[in-house]
PDB file of N, CA and C in Angstrom:
ATOM      1  N   MET A   1       2.742  14.015  -4.733  1.00  0.00           N
ATOM      2  CA  MET A   1       3.486  13.621  -3.555  1.00  0.00           C
ATOM      3  C   MET A   1       4.454  12.514  -3.945  1.00  0.00           C
ATOM      4  N   ILE A   2       5.690  12.639  -3.473  1.00  0.00           N
ATOM      5  CA  ILE A   2       6.682  11.602  -3.712  1.00  0.00           C
ATOM      6  C   ILE A   2       6.539  10.546  -2.624  1.00  0.00           C
ATOM      7  N   VAL A   3       6.386   9.294  -3.040  1.00  0.00           N
ATOM      8  CA  VAL A   3       6.320   8.153  -2.121  1.00  0.00           C
ATOM      9  C   VAL A   3       7.380   7.174  -2.588  1.00  0.00           C
ATOM     10  N   THR A   4       8.348   6.888  -1.713  1.00  0.00           N
ATOM     11  CA  THR A   4       9.481   6.065  -2.130  1.00  0.00           C
ATOM     12  C   THR A   4       9.904   5.083  -1.043  1.00  0.00           C
ATOM     13  N   THR A   5      10.478   3.984  -1.476  1.00  0.00           N
ATOM     14  CA  THR A   5      10.998   2.997  -0.532  1.00  0.00           C
ATOM     15  C   THR A   5      12.381   3.383  -0.020  1.00  0.00           C
ATOM     16  N   THR A   6      13.001   4.342  -0.657  1.00  0.00           N
ATOM     17  CA  THR A   6      14.345   4.763  -0.253  1.00  0.00           C
ATOM     18  C   THR A   6      14.278   5.701   0.950  1.00  0.00           C
ATOM     19  N   PRO A   7      15.376   5.802   1.729  1.00  0.00           N
ATOM     20  CA  PRO A   7      15.358   6.664   2.918  1.00  0.00           C
ATOM     21  C   PRO A   7      15.533   8.146   2.605  1.00  0.00           C
ATOM     22  N   THR A   8      15.930   8.456   1.382  1.00  0.00           N
ATOM     23  CA  THR A   8      16.113   9.856   0.963  1.00  0.00           C
ATOM     24  C   THR A   8      15.544  10.005  -0.440  1.00  0.00           C
ATOM     25  N   ILE A   9      15.444  11.253  -0.878  1.00  0.00           N
ATOM     26  CA  ILE A   9      14.977  11.547  -2.232  1.00  0.00           C
ATOM     27  C   ILE A   9      16.085  12.329  -2.920  1.00  0.00           C
ATOM     28  N   GLU A  10      16.617  11.776  -3.980  1.00  0.00           N
ATOM     29  CA  GLU A  10      17.734  12.398  -4.682  1.00  0.00           C
ATOM     30  C   GLU A  10      17.369  13.818  -5.110  1.00  0.00           C
ATOM     31  N   GLY A  11      18.256  14.753  -4.797  1.00  0.00           N
ATOM     32  CA  GLY A  11      18.054  16.142  -5.187  1.00  0.00           C
ATOM     33  C   GLY A  11      17.143  16.923  -4.260  1.00  0.00           C
ATOM     34  N   LYS A  12      16.619  16.276  -3.226  1.00  0.00           N
ATOM     35  CA  LYS A  12      15.721  16.943  -2.274  1.00  0.00           C
ATOM     36  C   LYS A  12      16.288  16.786  -0.871  1.00  0.00           C
ATOM     37  N   ALA A  13      16.207  17.840  -0.103  1.00  0.00           N
ATOM     38  CA  ALA A  13      16.642  17.783   1.293  1.00  0.00           C
ATOM     39  C   ALA A  13      15.411  17.607   2.184  1.00  0.00           C
ATOM     40  N   ILE A  14      15.511  16.708   3.146  1.00  0.00           N
ATOM     41  CA  ILE A  14      14.420  16.543   4.110  1.00  0.00           C
ATOM     42  C   ILE A  14      14.521  17.692   5.103  1.00  0.00           C
ATOM     43  N   ARG A  15      13.471  18.509   5.150  1.00  0.00           N
ATOM     44  CA  ARG A  15      13.441  19.696   6.013  1.00  0.00           C
ATOM     45  C   ARG A  15      12.863  19.393   7.389  1.00  0.00           C
ATOM     46  N   SER A  16      11.869  18.474   7.431  1.00  0.00           N
ATOM     47  CA  SER A  16      11.258  18.125   8.724  1.00  0.00           C
ATOM     48  C   SER A  16      10.609  16.756   8.624  1.00  0.00           C
ATOM     49  N   TYR A  17      10.518  16.124   9.786  1.00  0.00           N
ATOM     50  CA  TYR A  17       9.902  14.801   9.891  1.00  0.00           C
ATOM     51  C   TYR A  17       8.546  14.951  10.572  1.00  0.00           C
ATOM     52  N   HIS A  18       7.546  14.212  10.071  1.00  0.00           N
ATOM     53  CA  HIS A  18       6.184  14.340  10.588  1.00  0.00           C
ATOM     54  C   HIS A  18       5.631  13.019  11.108  1.00  0.00           C
ATOM     55  N   GLY A  19       6.505  12.084  11.397  1.00  0.00           N
ATOM     56  CA  GLY A  19       6.089  10.832  12.018  1.00  0.00           C
ATOM     57  C   GLY A  19       5.816   9.712  11.034  1.00  0.00           C
ATOM     58  N   VAL A  20       5.559   8.555  11.604  1.00  0.00           N
ATOM     59  CA  VAL A  20       5.236   7.363  10.819  1.00  0.00           C
ATOM     60  C   VAL A  20       3.775   7.426  10.395  1.00  0.00           C
ATOM     61  N   VAL A  21       3.530   7.116   9.132  1.00  0.00           N
ATOM     62  CA  VAL A  21       2.158   7.048   8.621  1.00  0.00           C
ATOM     63  C   VAL A  21       1.916   5.649   8.066  1.00  0.00           C
ATOM     64  N   VAL A  22       0.656   5.215   8.156  1.00  0.00           N
ATOM     65  CA  VAL A  22       0.288   3.863   7.743  1.00  0.00           C
ATOM     66  C   VAL A  22      -1.025   3.922   6.973  1.00  0.00           C
ATOM     67  N   GLY A  23      -1.129   3.085   5.965  1.00  0.00           N
ATOM     68  CA  GLY A  23      -2.379   2.882   5.242  1.00  0.00           C
ATOM     69  C   GLY A  23      -2.651   1.393   5.171  1.00  0.00           C
ATOM     70  N   GLU A  24      -3.907   0.999   5.340  1.00  0.00           N
ATOM     71  CA  GLU A  24      -4.264  -0.417   5.296  1.00  0.00           C
ATOM     72  C   GLU A  24      -5.443  -0.655   4.366  1.00  0.00           C
ATOM     73  N   ALA A  25      -5.484  -1.863   3.851  1.00  0.00           N
ATOM     74  CA  ALA A  25      -6.632  -2.312   3.062  1.00  0.00           C
ATOM     75  C   ALA A  25      -6.884  -3.768   3.421  1.00  0.00           C
ATOM     76  N   ILE A  26      -8.134  -4.129   3.566  1.00  0.00           N
ATOM     77  CA  ILE A  26      -8.518  -5.484   3.957  1.00  0.00           C
ATOM     78  C   ILE A  26      -9.377  -6.099   2.855  1.00  0.00           C
ATOM     79  N   LEU A  27      -9.014  -7.323   2.462  1.00  0.00           N
ATOM     80  CA  LEU A  27      -9.853  -8.101   1.544  1.00  0.00           C
ATOM     81  C   LEU A  27     -10.439  -9.249   2.351  1.00  0.00           C
ATOM     82  N   GLY A  28     -11.748  -9.270   2.488  1.00  0.00           N
ATOM     83  CA  GLY A  28     -12.403 -10.287   3.297  1.00  0.00           C
ATOM     84  C   GLY A  28     -12.480 -11.628   2.611  1.00  0.00           C
ATOM     85  N   ALA A  29     -12.868 -12.628   3.385  1.00  0.00           N
ATOM     86  CA  ALA A  29     -12.956 -14.010   2.902  1.00  0.00           C
ATOM     87  C   ALA A  29     -13.904 -14.123   1.718  1.00  0.00           C
ATOM     88  N   ASN A  30     -14.975 -13.353   1.709  1.00  0.00           N
ATOM     89  CA  ASN A  30     -15.933 -13.455   0.604  1.00  0.00           C
ATOM     90  C   ASN A  30     -15.314 -13.032  -0.727  1.00  0.00           C
ATOM     91  N   VAL A  31     -14.340 -12.123  -0.682  1.00  0.00           N
ATOM     92  CA  VAL A  31     -13.658 -11.725  -1.908  1.00  0.00           C
ATOM     93  C   VAL A  31     -12.905 -12.914  -2.480  1.00  0.00           C
ATOM     94  N   PHE A  32     -12.169 -13.615  -1.617  1.00  0.00           N
ATOM     95  CA  PHE A  32     -11.429 -14.781  -2.080  1.00  0.00           C
ATOM     96  C   PHE A  32     -12.372 -15.869  -2.594  1.00  0.00           C
ATOM     97  N   ARG A  33     -13.478 -16.099  -1.888  1.00  0.00           N
ATOM     98  CA  ARG A  33     -14.423 -17.130  -2.312  1.00  0.00           C
ATOM     99  C   ARG A  33     -14.988 -16.784  -3.690  1.00  0.00           C
ATOM    100  N   ASP A  34     -15.345 -15.520  -3.895  1.00  0.00           N
ATOM    101  CA  ASP A  34     -15.880 -15.096  -5.187  1.00  0.00           C
ATOM    102  C   ASP A  34     -14.841 -15.237  -6.291  1.00  0.00           C
ATOM    103  N   ILE A  35     -13.610 -14.873  -5.963  1.00  0.00           N
ATOM    104  CA  ILE A  35     -12.550 -14.974  -6.972  1.00  0.00           C
ATOM    105  C   ILE A  35     -12.318 -16.427  -7.359  1.00  0.00           C
ATOM    106  N   PHE A  36     -12.120 -17.279  -6.356  1.00  0.00           N
ATOM    107  CA  PHE A  36     -11.786 -18.661  -6.643  1.00  0.00           C
ATOM    108  C   PHE A  36     -12.968 -19.444  -7.203  1.00  0.00           C
ATOM    109  N   ALA A  37     -14.189 -19.062  -6.863  1.00  0.00           N
ATOM    110  CA  ALA A  37     -15.368 -19.766  -7.379  1.00  0.00           C
ATOM    111  C   ALA A  37     -15.522 -19.548  -8.877  1.00  0.00           C
ATOM    112  N   GLY A  38     -15.145 -18.377  -9.343  1.00  0.00           N
ATOM    113  CA  GLY A  38     -15.368 -18.064 -10.753  1.00  0.00           C
ATOM    114  C   GLY A  38     -14.113 -17.932 -11.573  1.00  0.00           C
ATOM    115  N   ILE A  39     -13.018 -18.501 -11.120  1.00  0.00           N
ATOM    116  CA  ILE A  39     -11.769 -18.346 -11.881  1.00  0.00           C
ATOM    117  C   ILE A  39     -11.864 -19.115 -13.195  1.00  0.00           C
ATOM    118  N   THR A  40     -11.741 -18.341 -14.249  1.00  0.00           N
ATOM    119  CA  THR A  40     -11.690 -18.964 -15.574  1.00  0.00           C
ATOM    120  C   THR A  40     -10.463 -18.470 -16.335  1.00  0.00           C
ATOM    121  N   ASP A  41      -9.710 -17.587 -15.691  1.00  0.00           N
ATOM    122  CA  ASP A  41      -8.603 -16.966 -16.403  1.00  0.00           C
ATOM    123  C   ASP A  41      -7.247 -17.373 -15.843  1.00  0.00           C
ATOM    124  N   ILE A  42      -7.156 -18.586 -15.296  1.00  0.00           N
ATOM    125  CA  ILE A  42      -5.859 -19.044 -14.787  1.00  0.00           C
ATOM    126  C   ILE A  42      -5.054 -19.612 -15.951  1.00  0.00           C
ATOM    127  N   ILE A  43      -3.908 -19.019 -16.152  1.00  0.00           N
ATOM    128  CA  ILE A  43      -2.994 -19.483 -17.190  1.00  0.00           C
ATOM    129  C   ILE A  43      -1.624 -19.602 -16.542  1.00  0.00           C
ATOM    130  N   GLY A  44      -1.090 -20.774 -16.528  1.00  0.00           N
ATOM    131  CA  GLY A  44       0.222 -20.965 -15.928  1.00  0.00           C
ATOM    132  C   GLY A  44       0.234 -20.691 -14.437  1.00  0.00           C
ATOM    133  N   GLY A  45      -0.889 -20.911 -13.755  1.00  0.00           N
ATOM    134  CA  GLY A  45      -0.952 -20.717 -12.317  1.00  0.00           C
ATOM    135  C   GLY A  45      -1.227 -19.297 -11.885  1.00  0.00           C
ATOM    136  N   ARG A  46      -1.484 -18.385 -12.817  1.00  0.00           N
ATOM    137  CA  ARG A  46      -1.756 -16.986 -12.478  1.00  0.00           C
ATOM    138  C   ARG A  46      -3.218 -16.668 -12.707  1.00  0.00           C
ATOM    139  N   SER A  47      -3.761 -15.850 -11.839  1.00  0.00           N
ATOM    140  CA  SER A  47      -5.139 -15.401 -11.969  1.00  0.00           C
ATOM    141  C   SER A  47      -5.162 -13.887 -12.072  1.00  0.00           C
ATOM    142  N   SER A  48      -5.598 -13.365 -13.199  1.00  0.00           N
ATOM    143  CA  SER A  48      -5.649 -11.907 -13.350  1.00  0.00           C
ATOM    144  C   SER A  48      -6.672 -11.293 -12.413  1.00  0.00           C
ATOM    145  N   ALA A  49      -7.736 -12.025 -12.079  1.00  0.00           N
ATOM    146  CA  ALA A  49      -8.736 -11.506 -11.138  1.00  0.00           C
ATOM    147  C   ALA A  49      -8.116 -11.342  -9.752  1.00  0.00           C
ATOM    148  N   TYR A  50      -7.367 -12.341  -9.327  1.00  0.00           N
ATOM    149  CA  TYR A  50      -6.705 -12.292  -8.021  1.00  0.00           C
ATOM    150  C   TYR A  50      -5.655 -11.190  -8.000  1.00  0.00           C
ATOM    151  N   GLU A  51      -4.864 -11.088  -9.062  1.00  0.00           N
ATOM    152  CA  GLU A  51      -3.843 -10.051  -9.144  1.00  0.00           C
ATOM    153  C   GLU A  51      -4.472  -8.660  -9.145  1.00  0.00           C
ATOM    154  N   ALA A  52      -5.594  -8.502  -9.822  1.00  0.00           N
ATOM    155  CA  ALA A  52      -6.289  -7.207  -9.837  1.00  0.00           C
ATOM    156  C   ALA A  52      -6.771  -6.838  -8.442  1.00  0.00           C
ATOM    157  N   SER A  53      -7.277  -7.807  -7.687  1.00  0.00           N
ATOM    158  CA  SER A  53      -7.728  -7.539  -6.323  1.00  0.00           C
ATOM    159  C   SER A  53      -6.561  -7.140  -5.429  1.00  0.00           C
ATOM    160  N   LEU A  54      -5.448  -7.837  -5.560  1.00  0.00           N
ATOM    161  CA  LEU A  54      -4.258  -7.474  -4.787  1.00  0.00           C
ATOM    162  C   LEU A  54      -3.765  -6.077  -5.165  1.00  0.00           C
ATOM    163  N   GLY A  55      -3.773  -5.781  -6.449  1.00  0.00           N
ATOM    164  CA  GLY A  55      -3.358  -4.456  -6.912  1.00  0.00           C
ATOM    165  C   GLY A  55      -4.248  -3.363  -6.370  1.00  0.00           C
ATOM    166  N   GLU A  56      -5.542  -3.614  -6.362  1.00  0.00           N
ATOM    167  CA  GLU A  56      -6.494  -2.637  -5.828  1.00  0.00           C
ATOM    168  C   GLU A  56      -6.255  -2.411  -4.335  1.00  0.00           C
ATOM    169  N   ALA A  57      -6.005  -3.486  -3.591  1.00  0.00           N
ATOM    170  CA  ALA A  57      -5.733  -3.364  -2.160  1.00  0.00           C
ATOM    171  C   ALA A  57      -4.441  -2.574  -1.929  1.00  0.00           C
ATOM    172  N   ARG A  58      -3.418  -2.840  -2.715  1.00  0.00           N
ATOM    173  CA  ARG A  58      -2.150  -2.118  -2.583  1.00  0.00           C
ATOM    174  C   ARG A  58      -2.346  -0.635  -2.867  1.00  0.00           C
ATOM    175  N   GLU A  59      -3.063  -0.309  -3.935  1.00  0.00           N
ATOM    176  CA  GLU A  59      -3.308   1.091  -4.279  1.00  0.00           C
ATOM    177  C   GLU A  59      -4.119   1.792  -3.189  1.00  0.00           C
ATOM    178  N   THR A  60      -5.088   1.099  -2.604  1.00  0.00           N
ATOM    179  CA  THR A  60      -5.879   1.665  -1.515  1.00  0.00           C
ATOM    180  C   THR A  60      -4.995   1.973  -0.315  1.00  0.00           C
ATOM    181  N   ALA A  61      -4.116   1.035   0.039  1.00  0.00           N
ATOM    182  CA  ALA A  61      -3.217   1.241   1.177  1.00  0.00           C
ATOM    183  C   ALA A  61      -2.282   2.423   0.920  1.00  0.00           C
ATOM    184  N   LEU A  62      -1.736   2.526  -0.283  1.00  0.00           N
ATOM    185  CA  LEU A  62      -0.832   3.634  -0.603  1.00  0.00           C
ATOM    186  C   LEU A  62      -1.566   4.971  -0.638  1.00  0.00           C
ATOM    187  N   ARG A  63      -2.784   4.977  -1.152  1.00  0.00           N
ATOM    188  CA  ARG A  63      -3.594   6.208  -1.187  1.00  0.00           C
ATOM    189  C   ARG A  63      -3.881   6.686   0.240  1.00  0.00           C
ATOM    190  N   GLU A  64      -4.240   5.754   1.119  1.00  0.00           N
ATOM    191  CA  GLU A  64      -4.499   6.083   2.516  1.00  0.00           C
ATOM    192  C   GLU A  64      -3.229   6.601   3.191  1.00  0.00           C
ATOM    193  N   LEU A  65      -2.083   5.999   2.880  1.00  0.00           N
ATOM    194  CA  LEU A  65      -0.798   6.450   3.396  1.00  0.00           C
ATOM    195  C   LEU A  65      -0.547   7.909   3.001  1.00  0.00           C
ATOM    196  N   GLU A  66      -0.767   8.233   1.737  1.00  0.00           N
ATOM    197  CA  GLU A  66      -0.579   9.601   1.250  1.00  0.00           C
ATOM    198  C   GLU A  66      -1.516  10.573   1.950  1.00  0.00           C
ATOM    199  N   GLU A  67      -2.780  10.192   2.124  1.00  0.00           N
ATOM    200  CA  GLU A  67      -3.759  11.062   2.774  1.00  0.00           C
ATOM    201  C   GLU A  67      -3.331  11.374   4.206  1.00  0.00           C
ATOM    202  N   ARG A  68      -2.828  10.369   4.906  1.00  0.00           N
ATOM    203  CA  ARG A  68      -2.381  10.580   6.285  1.00  0.00           C
ATOM    204  C   ARG A  68      -1.114  11.431   6.328  1.00  0.00           C
ATOM    205  N   ALA A  69      -0.255  11.298   5.329  1.00  0.00           N
ATOM    206  CA  ALA A  69       0.948  12.134   5.269  1.00  0.00           C
ATOM    207  C   ALA A  69       0.570  13.598   5.055  1.00  0.00           C
ATOM    208  N   VAL A  70      -0.360  13.855   4.158  1.00  0.00           N
ATOM    209  CA  VAL A  70      -0.831  15.226   3.913  1.00  0.00           C
ATOM    210  C   VAL A  70      -1.442  15.801   5.185  1.00  0.00           C
ATOM    211  N   ALA A  71      -2.253  14.999   5.878  1.00  0.00           N
ATOM    212  CA  ALA A  71      -2.887  15.449   7.120  1.00  0.00           C
ATOM    213  C   ALA A  71      -1.838  15.774   8.185  1.00  0.00           C
ATOM    214  N   ALA A  72      -0.683  15.123   8.109  1.00  0.00           N
ATOM    215  CA  ALA A  72       0.394  15.366   9.072  1.00  0.00           C
ATOM    216  C   ALA A  72       1.263  16.560   8.671  1.00  0.00           C
ATOM    217  N   GLY A  73       0.981  17.154   7.508  1.00  0.00           N
ATOM    218  CA  GLY A  73       1.737  18.318   7.051  1.00  0.00           C
ATOM    219  C   GLY A  73       2.934  17.992   6.183  1.00  0.00           C
ATOM    220  N   ALA A  74       2.997  16.770   5.671  1.00  0.00           N
ATOM    221  CA  ALA A  74       4.128  16.333   4.850  1.00  0.00           C
ATOM    222  C   ALA A  74       3.834  16.503   3.372  1.00  0.00           C
ATOM    223  N   ASN A  75       4.905  16.499   2.572  1.00  0.00           N
ATOM    224  CA  ASN A  75       4.735  16.515   1.120  1.00  0.00           C
ATOM    225  C   ASN A  75       5.446  15.339   0.448  1.00  0.00           C
ATOM    226  N   ALA A  76       5.915  14.379   1.282  1.00  0.00           N
ATOM    227  CA  ALA A  76       6.556  13.170   0.760  1.00  0.00           C
ATOM    228  C   ALA A  76       6.542  12.101   1.849  1.00  0.00           C
ATOM    229  N   VAL A  77       6.736  10.852   1.420  1.00  0.00           N
ATOM    230  CA  VAL A  77       6.859   9.739   2.363  1.00  0.00           C
ATOM    231  C   VAL A  77       8.069   8.924   1.928  1.00  0.00           C
ATOM    232  N   VAL A  78       8.998   8.705   2.864  1.00  0.00           N
ATOM    233  CA  VAL A  78      10.208   7.938   2.571  1.00  0.00           C
ATOM    234  C   VAL A  78      10.207   6.636   3.367  1.00  0.00           C
ATOM    235  N   GLY A  79      11.036   5.694   2.928  1.00  0.00           N
ATOM    236  CA  GLY A  79      11.173   4.428   3.644  1.00  0.00           C
ATOM    237  C   GLY A  79       9.920   3.589   3.630  1.00  0.00           C
ATOM    238  N   VAL A  80       9.155   3.657   2.551  1.00  0.00           N
ATOM    239  CA  VAL A  80       7.874   2.940   2.483  1.00  0.00           C
ATOM    240  C   VAL A  80       8.113   1.428   2.427  1.00  0.00           C
ATOM    241  N   ASP A  81       7.319   0.705   3.214  1.00  0.00           N
ATOM    242  CA  ASP A  81       7.355  -0.751   3.254  1.00  0.00           C
ATOM    243  C   ASP A  81       5.940  -1.261   3.022  1.00  0.00           C
ATOM    244  N   LEU A  82       5.802  -2.226   2.135  1.00  0.00           N
ATOM    245  CA  LEU A  82       4.508  -2.871   1.883  1.00  0.00           C
ATOM    246  C   LEU A  82       4.515  -4.257   2.496  1.00  0.00           C
ATOM    247  N   ASP A  83       3.483  -4.566   3.254  1.00  0.00           N
ATOM    248  CA  ASP A  83       3.359  -5.880   3.886  1.00  0.00           C
ATOM    249  C   ASP A  83       2.034  -6.506   3.491  1.00  0.00           C
ATOM    250  N   TYR A  84       2.067  -7.826   3.287  1.00  0.00           N
ATOM    251  CA  TYR A  84       0.879  -8.610   2.975  1.00  0.00           C
ATOM    252  C   TYR A  84       0.751  -9.691   4.037  1.00  0.00           C
ATOM    253  N   GLU A  85      -0.390  -9.766   4.693  1.00  0.00           N
ATOM    254  CA  GLU A  85      -0.622 -10.773   5.730  1.00  0.00           C
ATOM    255  C   GLU A  85      -1.974 -11.434   5.496  1.00  0.00           C
ATOM    256  N   VAL A  86      -2.032 -12.733   5.735  1.00  0.00           N
ATOM    257  CA  VAL A  86      -3.302 -13.456   5.683  1.00  0.00           C
ATOM    258  C   VAL A  86      -3.608 -13.924   7.098  1.00  0.00           C
ATOM    259  N   ILE A  87      -4.752 -13.489   7.608  1.00  0.00           N
ATOM    260  CA  ILE A  87      -5.187 -13.858   8.950  1.00  0.00           C
ATOM    261  C   ILE A  87      -6.623 -14.370   8.844  1.00  0.00           C
ATOM    262  N   ASN A  88      -6.838 -15.644   9.166  1.00  0.00           N
ATOM    263  CA  ASN A  88      -8.186 -16.237   9.108  1.00  0.00           C
ATOM    264  C   ASN A  88      -8.876 -15.977   7.767  1.00  0.00           C
ATOM    265  N   ASN A  89      -8.179 -16.240   6.674  1.00  0.00           N
ATOM    266  CA  ASN A  89      -8.714 -16.071   5.312  1.00  0.00           C
ATOM    267  C   ASN A  89      -9.025 -14.622   4.956  1.00  0.00           C
ATOM    268  N   ILE A  90      -8.429 -13.695   5.662  1.00  0.00           N
ATOM    269  CA  ILE A  90      -8.577 -12.275   5.343  1.00  0.00           C
ATOM    270  C   ILE A  90      -7.200 -11.753   4.976  1.00  0.00           C
ATOM    271  N   LEU A  91      -7.105 -11.094   3.834  1.00  0.00           N
ATOM    272  CA  LEU A  91      -5.833 -10.526   3.402  1.00  0.00           C
ATOM    273  C   LEU A  91      -5.764  -9.075   3.833  1.00  0.00           C
ATOM    274  N   MET A  92      -4.671  -8.715   4.502  1.00  0.00           N
ATOM    275  CA  MET A  92      -4.434  -7.328   4.875  1.00  0.00           C
ATOM    276  C   MET A  92      -3.191  -6.841   4.153  1.00  0.00           C
ATOM    277  N   VAL A  93      -3.316  -5.713   3.491  1.00  0.00           N
ATOM    278  CA  VAL A  93      -2.189  -5.075   2.844  1.00  0.00           C
ATOM    279  C   VAL A  93      -1.946  -3.787   3.627  1.00  0.00           C
ATOM    280  N   SER A  94      -0.718  -3.603   4.108  1.00  0.00           N
ATOM    281  CA  SER A  94      -0.406  -2.375   4.823  1.00  0.00           C
ATOM    282  C   SER A  94       0.816  -1.723   4.195  1.00  0.00           C
ATOM    283  N   ALA A  95       0.775  -0.400   4.178  1.00  0.00           N
ATOM    284  CA  ALA A  95       1.887   0.406   3.690  1.00  0.00           C
ATOM    285  C   ALA A  95       2.272   1.347   4.818  1.00  0.00           C
ATOM    286  N   SER A  96       3.562   1.391   5.157  1.00  0.00           N
ATOM    287  CA  SER A  96       4.011   2.306   6.204  1.00  0.00           C
ATOM    288  C   SER A  96       5.268   3.017   5.742  1.00  0.00           C
ATOM    289  N   GLY A  97       5.470   4.203   6.283  1.00  0.00           N
ATOM    290  CA  GLY A  97       6.649   4.988   5.946  1.00  0.00           C
ATOM    291  C   GLY A  97       6.743   6.203   6.831  1.00  0.00           C
ATOM    292  N   THR A  98       7.751   7.020   6.594  1.00  0.00           N
ATOM    293  CA  THR A  98       7.958   8.233   7.366  1.00  0.00           C
ATOM    294  C   THR A  98       7.514   9.431   6.549  1.00  0.00           C
ATOM    295  N   ALA A  99       6.568  10.201   7.108  1.00  0.00           N
ATOM    296  CA  ALA A  99       6.082  11.411   6.452  1.00  0.00           C
ATOM    297  C   ALA A  99       7.114  12.510   6.661  1.00  0.00           C
ATOM    298  N   VAL A 100       7.510  13.174   5.580  1.00  0.00           N
ATOM    299  CA  VAL A 100       8.522  14.232   5.655  1.00  0.00           C
ATOM    300  C   VAL A 100       8.110  15.429   4.815  1.00  0.00           C
ATOM    301  N   LYS A 101       8.742  16.540   5.101  1.00  0.00           N
ATOM    302  CA  LYS A 101       8.618  17.741   4.260  1.00  0.00           C
ATOM    303  C   LYS A 101       9.967  17.890   3.569  1.00  0.00           C
ATOM    304  N   VAL A 102       9.928  17.905   2.235  1.00  0.00           N
ATOM    305  CA  VAL A 102      11.172  18.079   1.474  1.00  0.00           C
ATOM    306  C   VAL A 102      11.138  19.416   0.762  1.00  0.00           C
ATOM    307  N   GLY A 103      12.318  19.904   0.463  1.00  0.00           N
ATOM    308  CA  GLY A 103      12.402  21.179  -0.231  1.00  0.00           C
ATOM    309  C   GLY A 103      13.524  21.214  -1.208  1.00  0.00           C
TER     310      GLY A 103
END
């Protein structure tokens, strides 16, 4: 499945639109506490453990987005936007876009 931030896909025509699809992933406060309690790999202000957790959350959100697009009858998602929000020490990663059928 093609998932892109662009509104079109070069060389492909959008045949039909199947609505907005969204995928979310939540990292709870305990994840942050565990990460920060045991950080030993901070170099230059970066934590590979924290980055890995963010990457996992992003991949989960995108995977969920794709699953919902397939369920809607689409074979691609265009205009994808990734958002990161922290609410009460909980990180939410959301991915949204328009499910389309391209040919």
